[in-house]
Protein backbone atom coordinates (compact mmCIF):
# COMPACT_ATOMS: atom_id res chain seq x y z
CA MET A 1 -13.73 17.20 -3.88
CA ILE A 2 -14.81 17.53 -0.23
CA PRO A 3 -18.26 15.82 -0.64
CA ALA A 4 -16.66 12.87 -2.44
CA THR A 5 -14.03 12.35 0.23
CA LEU A 6 -16.55 12.74 3.06
CA VAL A 7 -18.81 10.14 1.48
CA SER A 8 -15.89 7.81 0.86
CA PHE A 9 -14.70 8.13 4.48
CA ALA A 10 -18.16 7.64 5.92
CA VAL A 11 -19.00 4.57 3.78
CA SER A 12 -15.65 2.93 4.46
CA GLY A 13 -15.79 3.67 8.21
CA LEU A 14 -19.37 2.44 8.63
CA LEU A 15 -18.81 -0.72 6.64
CA ALA A 16 -15.52 -1.38 8.45
CA TRP A 17 -17.38 -1.20 11.78
CA LEU A 18 -20.08 -3.59 10.49
CA LEU A 19 -17.46 -6.05 9.14
CA ALA A 20 -15.54 -5.95 12.43
CA HIS A 21 -18.70 -7.06 14.20
CA ALA A 22 -19.98 -9.41 11.49
CA LYS A 23 -20.98 -13.01 12.20
CA GLY A 24 -21.52 -16.09 10.12
CA HIS A 25 -20.52 -16.10 6.44
CA TRP A 26 -19.41 -12.46 6.55
CA GLN A 27 -16.80 -13.25 9.17
CA ILE A 28 -13.42 -14.35 7.74
CA LEU A 29 -10.94 -14.59 10.55
CA ASP A 30 -7.14 -14.28 10.59
CA ILE A 31 -6.16 -16.97 13.06
CA PRO A 32 -2.83 -16.28 14.85
CA ASN A 33 0.07 -18.62 14.27
CA GLU A 34 3.78 -18.70 15.09
CA ARG A 35 4.43 -16.22 12.28
CA SER A 36 1.75 -13.69 13.27
CA LEU A 37 2.19 -10.48 15.22
CA HIS A 38 -1.42 -10.47 16.48
CA THR A 39 -2.54 -12.73 19.32
CA ARG A 40 -6.29 -13.05 18.82
CA PRO A 41 -8.51 -14.04 15.84
CA THR A 42 -9.28 -10.89 13.85
CA PRO A 43 -11.58 -10.36 10.85
CA ARG A 44 -9.65 -9.74 7.65
CA THR A 45 -12.41 -8.36 5.49
CA GLY A 46 -11.53 -4.66 5.81
CA GLY A 47 -10.50 -4.53 2.17
CA ILE A 48 -14.18 -4.75 1.31
CA ALA A 49 -14.76 -1.50 3.24
CA VAL A 50 -11.87 0.21 1.43
CA LEU A 51 -13.24 -0.83 -2.01
CA ALA A 52 -16.78 0.24 -1.04
CA GLY A 53 -15.45 3.59 0.10
CA LEU A 54 -13.57 3.98 -3.19
CA ALA A 55 -16.65 3.20 -5.25
CA ALA A 56 -18.88 5.51 -3.17
CA GLY A 57 -16.42 8.38 -3.39
CA LEU A 58 -15.95 8.10 -7.15
CA PHE A 59 -19.69 7.93 -7.65
CA SER A 60 -20.10 11.00 -5.50
CA ALA A 61 -17.45 12.87 -7.48
CA TRP A 62 -19.48 12.16 -10.64
CA ALA A 63 -22.82 13.10 -9.01
CA TRP A 64 -21.68 16.36 -7.38
CA ASN A 65 -18.93 17.66 -9.63
CA GLY A 66 -19.41 15.88 -12.87
CA TYR A 67 -15.94 14.26 -12.64
CA SER A 68 -15.82 11.08 -14.72
CA LEU A 69 -12.99 9.11 -13.17
CA THR A 70 -14.00 5.81 -14.78
CA ASN A 71 -11.03 3.91 -16.18
CA TRP A 72 -12.36 0.55 -17.29
CA PRO A 73 -9.05 -1.25 -17.67
CA LEU A 74 -8.04 -0.16 -14.17
CA THR A 75 -11.51 -1.02 -12.79
CA LEU A 76 -11.33 -4.53 -14.31
CA ALA A 77 -7.78 -4.99 -13.04
CA ILE A 78 -8.95 -4.05 -9.50
CA ALA A 79 -11.93 -6.38 -9.80
CA ILE A 80 -9.65 -9.30 -10.79
CA LEU A 81 -7.30 -8.71 -7.86
CA ALA A 82 -10.11 -8.15 -5.38
CA ILE A 83 -12.05 -11.31 -6.35
CA VAL A 84 -8.99 -13.55 -6.35
CA ALA A 85 -7.79 -12.04 -3.07
CA LEU A 86 -11.16 -12.47 -1.41
CA ILE A 87 -11.22 -16.12 -2.46
CA ASP A 88 -7.67 -16.49 -1.12
CA ASP A 89 -8.57 -14.88 2.21
CA SER A 90 -11.32 -17.42 2.71
CA HIS A 91 -9.94 -20.59 1.03
CA THR A 92 -6.21 -20.04 0.47
CA LEU A 93 -5.14 -20.21 -3.17
CA GLY A 94 -1.74 -21.31 -4.43
CA ALA A 95 0.99 -18.71 -4.93
CA GLY A 96 1.22 -19.61 -8.66
CA LEU A 97 -2.52 -18.96 -9.26
CA ARG A 98 -2.37 -15.65 -7.38
CA LEU A 99 0.68 -14.56 -9.44
CA LEU A 100 -1.08 -15.53 -12.70
CA ALA A 101 -4.09 -13.46 -11.74
CA GLN A 102 -1.81 -10.49 -10.95
CA ILE A 103 0.00 -10.78 -14.26
CA GLY A 104 -3.31 -10.94 -16.05
CA ALA A 105 -4.64 -7.85 -14.27
CA VAL A 106 -1.46 -5.86 -14.92
CA SER A 107 -1.38 -6.94 -18.60
CA LEU A 108 -4.97 -5.84 -19.07
CA LEU A 109 -4.09 -2.49 -17.61
CA LEU A 110 -0.84 -1.85 -19.52
CA LEU A 111 -2.06 -3.02 -22.92
CA THR A 112 -4.52 -0.11 -23.19
CA ARG A 113 -3.54 2.70 -25.51
CA GLU A 114 -3.39 5.45 -22.86
CA SER A 115 -1.11 3.66 -20.45
CA THR A 116 1.08 1.59 -22.81
CA PRO A 117 4.77 2.65 -22.53
CA LEU A 118 6.75 3.61 -25.64
CA ASP A 119 8.52 0.32 -26.24
CA ALA A 120 8.54 -3.37 -25.27
CA LEU A 121 11.34 -2.93 -22.69
CA ALA A 122 9.48 -0.18 -20.87
CA LEU A 123 6.28 -2.29 -20.98
CA ILE A 124 8.06 -5.22 -19.36
CA ALA A 125 9.65 -2.95 -16.74
CA ALA A 126 6.28 -1.33 -15.91
CA ALA A 127 4.62 -4.79 -15.63
CA LEU A 128 7.33 -6.09 -13.31
CA PHE A 129 7.09 -2.94 -11.22
CA LEU A 130 3.30 -3.19 -10.85
CA VAL A 131 3.43 -6.93 -9.96
CA TRP A 132 6.10 -6.18 -7.40
CA MET A 133 4.08 -3.29 -5.89
CA ILE A 134 1.06 -5.56 -5.57
CA ASN A 135 3.07 -8.23 -3.69
CA LEU A 136 5.20 -5.95 -1.57
CA TYR A 137 2.13 -4.10 -0.26
CA ASN A 138 0.70 -7.48 0.63
CA PHE A 139 3.93 -8.56 2.30
CA MET A 140 4.00 -5.36 4.37
CA ASP A 141 0.42 -5.62 5.56
CA GLY A 142 1.36 -7.36 8.84
CA MET A 143 1.15 -4.76 11.53
CA ASP A 144 -1.83 -2.83 12.94
CA GLY A 145 -2.31 0.47 11.18
CA PHE A 146 0.69 0.08 8.87
CA ALA A 147 -0.68 -0.50 5.35
CA GLY A 148 -3.52 1.97 5.96
CA GLY A 149 -1.08 4.68 7.20
CA MET A 150 1.13 4.17 4.14
CA ALA A 151 -1.87 4.63 1.89
CA VAL A 152 -3.03 7.78 3.65
CA THR A 153 0.43 9.36 3.56
CA GLY A 154 1.42 8.15 0.05
CA PHE A 155 -1.76 8.88 -1.82
CA GLY A 156 -2.21 12.12 0.19
CA THR A 157 1.15 13.26 -1.16
CA PHE A 158 0.23 12.48 -4.75
CA ALA A 159 -3.14 14.19 -4.31
CA LEU A 160 -1.36 17.36 -3.24
CA LEU A 161 1.16 17.21 -6.08
CA ALA A 162 -1.45 16.44 -8.72
CA TRP A 163 -3.61 19.38 -7.57
CA GLN A 164 -0.67 21.77 -7.70
CA ALA A 165 0.27 20.50 -11.17
CA GLY A 166 -3.22 21.11 -12.57
CA TYR A 167 -4.58 17.54 -12.66
CA PRO A 168 -7.73 17.75 -10.51
CA ASP A 169 -9.06 14.36 -11.64
CA LEU A 170 -5.91 12.58 -10.52
CA ALA A 171 -5.86 14.60 -7.29
CA LEU A 172 -9.46 13.68 -6.55
CA GLY A 173 -8.81 10.00 -7.26
CA CYS A 174 -5.88 9.95 -4.85
CA ALA A 175 -7.93 11.89 -2.21
CA VAL A 176 -10.72 9.32 -2.42
CA VAL A 177 -8.14 6.56 -1.82
CA VAL A 178 -6.95 8.50 1.25
CA ALA A 179 -10.55 8.89 2.56
CA ALA A 180 -11.52 5.25 1.94
CA THR A 181 -8.40 4.00 3.65
CA GLY A 182 -8.81 6.47 6.49
CA GLY A 183 -12.32 5.14 7.25
CA PHE A 184 -10.93 1.66 7.47
CA LEU A 185 -8.00 2.86 9.60
CA LEU A 186 -10.40 3.81 12.37
CA LEU A 187 -10.86 0.10 13.05
CA ASN A 188 -7.30 -0.90 12.13
CA PHE A 189 -5.22 1.41 14.28
CA PRO A 190 -3.56 -0.46 17.20
CA PRO A 191 -5.08 -2.45 18.72
CA ALA A 192 -6.70 -3.48 15.37
CA ARG A 193 -10.22 -4.84 15.33
CA LEU A 194 -10.16 -5.38 11.61
CA PHE A 195 -7.52 -6.28 8.99
CA MET A 196 -7.76 -5.29 5.32
CA GLY A 197 -6.65 -8.75 4.10
CA ASP A 198 -5.29 -9.46 0.65
CA THR A 199 -8.45 -7.85 -0.84
CA GLY A 200 -7.32 -4.45 0.38
CA SER A 201 -3.55 -4.78 0.25
CA THR A 202 -3.24 -6.09 -3.32
CA VAL A 203 -5.56 -3.35 -4.65
CA LEU A 204 -3.68 -0.62 -2.77
CA GLY A 205 -0.41 -2.01 -4.07
CA LEU A 206 -1.66 -1.83 -7.63
CA LEU A 207 -2.98 1.68 -7.15
CA ALA A 208 0.28 2.83 -5.62
CA GLY A 209 2.24 1.53 -8.58
CA VAL A 210 -0.23 3.03 -11.05
CA VAL A 211 -0.13 6.50 -9.41
CA ILE A 212 3.73 6.46 -9.36
CA LEU A 213 3.88 5.63 -13.10
CA THR A 214 1.06 8.07 -13.94
CA ALA A 215 2.71 10.90 -12.06
CA HIS A 216 5.96 10.21 -13.89
CA ARG A 217 4.21 10.15 -17.28
CA LYS A 218 2.39 13.41 -16.56
CA ALA A 219 5.66 15.02 -15.36
CA ILE A 220 4.13 15.60 -11.88
CA LEU A 221 6.80 13.62 -10.01
CA PRO A 222 9.65 11.53 -11.45
CA VAL A 223 9.42 7.83 -10.74
CA TRP A 224 12.48 7.83 -8.42
CA LEU A 225 10.80 10.41 -6.15
CA GLY A 226 7.55 8.46 -6.41
CA ILE A 227 9.41 5.43 -5.11
CA LEU A 228 10.76 7.62 -2.31
CA VAL A 229 7.20 8.42 -1.21
CA PHE A 230 6.42 4.69 -0.76
CA SER A 231 9.97 3.76 0.23
CA PRO A 232 9.09 2.76 3.82
CA PHE A 233 7.37 -0.22 2.22
CA ILE A 234 9.54 -0.63 -0.86
CA ILE A 235 12.91 -0.65 0.97
CA ASP A 236 11.79 -3.00 3.79
CA ALA A 237 10.13 -5.51 1.45
CA SER A 238 12.85 -5.43 -1.20
CA ILE A 239 15.73 -5.99 1.22
CA THR A 240 13.88 -8.61 3.25
CA ILE A 241 12.81 -10.60 0.24
CA SER A 242 16.27 -10.38 -1.32
CA ARG A 243 17.77 -11.76 1.92
CA ARG A 244 15.30 -14.61 1.91
CA LEU A 245 16.03 -15.44 -1.68
CA LEU A 246 19.78 -15.53 -1.05
CA ARG A 247 19.13 -17.96 1.83
CA GLY A 248 17.03 -20.19 -0.41
CA GLU A 249 13.85 -19.55 1.51
CA LYS A 250 10.36 -19.53 -0.02
CA PHE A 251 9.87 -15.79 0.05
CA TRP A 252 6.11 -15.95 -0.55
CA GLN A 253 5.47 -17.89 2.64
CA ALA A 254 4.50 -16.03 5.87
CA HIS A 255 7.44 -15.03 8.01
CA LYS A 256 8.49 -12.51 10.69
CA SER A 257 11.74 -11.15 9.24
CA HIS A 258 10.58 -7.76 7.91
CA TYR A 259 12.21 -4.91 9.77
CA TYR A 260 8.92 -3.65 11.13
CA GLN A 261 8.11 -7.12 12.42
CA ARG A 262 11.53 -7.34 14.09
CA LEU A 263 10.91 -4.05 15.86
CA VAL A 264 7.61 -5.27 17.20
CA GLU A 265 9.17 -8.58 18.32
CA SER A 266 12.04 -6.66 19.98
CA GLY A 267 9.60 -5.09 22.45
CA TRP A 268 8.51 -1.92 20.68
CA GLY A 269 4.94 -3.24 20.15
CA HIS A 270 2.49 -2.28 17.40
CA ARG A 271 1.67 1.28 18.47
CA ARG A 272 5.17 2.54 19.01
CA THR A 273 6.50 0.93 15.87
CA VAL A 274 3.71 2.18 13.67
CA LEU A 275 3.96 5.74 15.02
CA VAL A 276 7.68 5.80 14.21
CA GLU A 277 6.86 4.42 10.74
CA TYR A 278 4.35 7.25 10.28
CA VAL A 279 7.08 9.80 11.04
CA LEU A 280 9.29 8.04 8.42
CA MET A 281 6.49 8.13 5.86
CA ILE A 282 5.85 11.82 6.40
CA ALA A 283 9.55 12.62 6.16
CA CYS A 284 9.90 10.67 2.90
CA SER A 285 6.82 12.39 1.41
CA ALA A 286 8.01 15.84 2.50
CA SER A 287 11.41 15.20 0.94
CA ALA A 288 9.75 14.10 -2.37
CA VAL A 289 7.56 17.20 -2.44
CA ALA A 290 10.52 19.46 -1.74
CA ALA A 291 12.63 17.71 -4.36
CA ALA A 292 9.93 17.78 -7.09
CA SER A 293 10.87 21.28 -8.24
CA GLN A 294 14.62 20.78 -7.97
CA PRO A 295 17.05 19.89 -10.76
CA LEU A 296 18.06 16.31 -11.26
CA ALA A 297 21.39 16.80 -9.50
CA ARG A 298 19.72 17.91 -6.26
CA GLN A 299 17.15 15.09 -6.52
CA THR A 300 20.03 12.68 -6.79
CA ILE A 301 21.63 14.08 -3.66
CA ILE A 302 18.33 13.75 -1.76
CA ILE A 303 17.95 10.15 -2.88
CA ALA A 304 21.55 9.41 -1.85
CA GLY A 305 20.85 11.04 1.54
CA TRP A 306 17.89 8.77 2.06
CA ALA A 307 20.02 5.72 1.17
CA VAL A 308 22.32 6.70 4.05
CA ILE A 309 19.33 7.22 6.36
CA TYR A 310 17.88 3.83 5.57
CA ALA A 311 21.28 2.21 6.15
CA ALA A 312 21.35 3.90 9.56
CA ILE A 313 17.78 2.72 10.33
CA ILE A 314 18.68 -0.87 9.45
CA TYR A 315 21.76 -0.68 11.65
CA SER A 316 19.67 0.77 14.49
CA ILE A 317 17.20 -2.09 14.26
CA HIS A 318 20.04 -4.61 14.54
CA ARG A 319 21.22 -2.75 17.64
CA VAL A 320 17.74 -2.86 19.18
CA GLU A 321 17.64 -6.61 18.60
CA GLN A 322 21.09 -7.07 20.12
CA ARG A 323 20.09 -5.12 23.24
CA ARG A 324 16.92 -7.18 23.53
CA GLU A 325 18.85 -10.44 23.27
CA SER A 326 21.44 -9.27 25.87
CA GLN A 327 18.61 -8.64 28.36
CA THR A 328 17.09 -12.08 27.99
């Protein structure tokens, strides 16, 4: 496992550095606008480095340890998302076309024998969940070091649990995601010199959804605790998008109303906000790991406790904004 993760980290980090300093056709810039948190044009091709790190790590796992982690439906689904996202990063595709590609990728993945749920209702629920995970990860990729940090923490948690449960292949796959994202994070931590763009965020969103469902199916971690692991993204995105829908806004358009964006705008800045988010991610993951061996009743209590914590966090953000407004 160690050689594969080292190779993945090295390839991702090196390519991220090259992409951050690329010129000409290799340079796709994210130009700041009134809805951006960044203030200078920044390359958004970091997803290419993440994907290259993933590929290098999986190849190394096969070369050194004989692990065959090839899953062709998942590979094709990733390819579809990555190609469409790369085109969107450079030429801006319509929301309908992007959604159609996501549905096609998810359908390809779920209609394979190994991953098909037991009935049509479960199949539809799984498809909706995966499409939502793809989009929410993309929505939440708007602050330096944020999406990369969620990937390192979330997939690192599943790697640990899968290893403890006796699924070394799944553990290695998650560890390679951690390493590939970690290499990119070297250039993305505040102040970011490289963004992952849709190419990275949509693929990581799909992989997050897949690992949550896979862990549930293999009885490694129930889906509600898997959601807890990624809840710093899931809660913020779900509440924010629901509020925008209720107000009749086009939720797919860029905006600055996510809670993490509001903290940055309230004067916390990228670094302080993302470090606090890292603490939240680690706490959620630790709770999920601790709850994994507990009976359902105790898991329910833990989930309820986190609902209270998130309510308190949301209230605290409102208070931060109010104090900021009173000082201006």
